[in-house]
Amino acid sequence: MSGYPESFLIYDQREVKMSTILPQGEKLKHAVQWISEKRKENPDINLAKLVDDASFRFDLSPKDSEFLLRFVKNDNGQNPS
């Protein structure tokens, strides 16, 4: 036994897990930034595949994935490479 109360250990383990979880809005924000970087590296990249990869990488909900796809397609039309 470590000498710490059991409740402290449970709290401590929860604290470690919580530090790796992003709020939903932050996930989407990071996904947009990641996609932006990838598109700069390769302007001809397949947008649907890129959004699919970002959705998996950032654990986006289906609703956020759909939003992200619409967002990058609209951005592509307004800012062609």
Protein backbone atom coordinates (compact mmCIF):
# COMPACT_ATOMS: atom_id res chain seq x y z
CA MET A 1 0.00 0.00 0.00
CA SER A 2 1.27 3.49 -0.79
CA GLY A 3 0.29 5.13 2.50
CA TYR A 4 -2.26 7.38 0.81
CA PRO A 5 -5.98 7.02 1.48
CA GLU A 6 -7.79 4.98 -1.17
CA SER A 7 -9.99 7.95 -2.11
CA PHE A 8 -6.87 9.95 -2.92
CA LEU A 9 -5.63 7.24 -5.27
CA ILE A 10 -8.96 7.09 -7.12
CA TYR A 11 -9.03 10.87 -7.40
CA ASP A 12 -5.43 10.88 -8.60
CA GLN A 13 -6.18 8.30 -11.33
CA ARG A 14 -9.20 10.29 -12.46
CA GLU A 15 -7.10 13.41 -12.62
CA VAL A 16 -4.61 11.74 -14.97
CA LYS A 17 -7.40 10.54 -17.28
CA MET A 18 -9.14 13.91 -17.33
CA SER A 19 -5.98 15.72 -18.42
CA THR A 20 -6.01 13.80 -21.72
CA ILE A 21 -9.66 14.51 -22.56
CA LEU A 22 -10.48 17.62 -24.56
CA PRO A 23 -13.83 19.39 -24.33
CA GLN A 24 -15.95 18.79 -27.43
CA GLY A 25 -15.35 22.27 -28.86
CA GLU A 26 -11.61 21.90 -28.40
CA LYS A 27 -11.60 18.64 -30.35
CA LEU A 28 -13.19 20.37 -33.32
CA LYS A 29 -10.80 23.31 -33.02
CA HIS A 30 -7.78 20.99 -33.04
CA ALA A 31 -9.21 19.07 -35.99
CA VAL A 32 -9.61 22.28 -38.02
CA GLN A 33 -6.03 23.30 -37.22
CA TRP A 34 -4.72 19.85 -38.14
CA ILE A 35 -6.62 19.85 -41.45
CA SER A 36 -5.32 23.31 -42.23
CA GLU A 37 -1.74 22.13 -41.74
CA LYS A 38 -2.29 19.04 -43.89
CA ARG A 39 -3.86 21.12 -46.69
CA LYS A 40 -0.85 23.46 -46.69
CA GLU A 41 1.44 20.44 -47.05
CA ASN A 42 -0.69 18.95 -49.84
CA PRO A 43 -3.27 21.30 -51.44
CA ASP A 44 -4.66 18.49 -53.65
CA ILE A 45 -5.42 16.16 -50.75
CA ASN A 46 -8.78 14.36 -50.76
CA LEU A 47 -10.97 16.38 -48.39
CA ALA A 48 -13.38 13.57 -47.49
CA LYS A 49 -10.47 11.30 -46.54
CA LEU A 50 -8.81 14.11 -44.60
CA VAL A 51 -11.98 14.79 -42.61
CA ASP A 52 -12.41 11.09 -41.97
CA ASP A 53 -8.84 10.89 -40.66
CA ALA A 54 -9.35 13.98 -38.49
CA SER A 55 -12.63 12.61 -37.14
CA PHE A 56 -10.89 9.44 -36.02
CA ARG A 57 -7.75 11.21 -34.77
CA PHE A 58 -9.68 13.75 -32.66
CA ASP A 59 -12.58 11.44 -31.70
CA LEU A 60 -15.24 13.67 -33.23
CA SER A 61 -18.93 12.91 -33.07
CA PRO A 62 -20.74 12.14 -36.34
CA LYS A 63 -22.40 15.55 -36.12
CA ASP A 64 -19.02 17.31 -35.74
CA SER A 65 -17.58 15.24 -38.59
CA GLU A 66 -20.41 16.35 -40.89
CA PHE A 67 -19.89 19.96 -39.85
CA LEU A 68 -16.15 19.66 -40.49
CA LEU A 69 -16.71 18.24 -43.96
CA ARG A 70 -19.10 21.07 -44.88
CA PHE A 71 -16.65 23.59 -43.40
CA VAL A 72 -13.63 22.41 -45.40
CA LYS A 73 -15.66 22.08 -48.61
CA ASN A 74 -16.98 25.64 -48.21
CA ASP A 75 -13.49 26.89 -47.40
CA ASN A 76 -12.13 25.14 -50.49
CA GLY A 77 -14.68 26.91 -52.70
CA GLN A 78 -13.87 30.32 -51.25
CA ASN A 79 -10.10 29.88 -51.13
CA PRO A 80 -9.03 27.71 -54.05
CA SER A 81 -5.42 26.52 -53.99
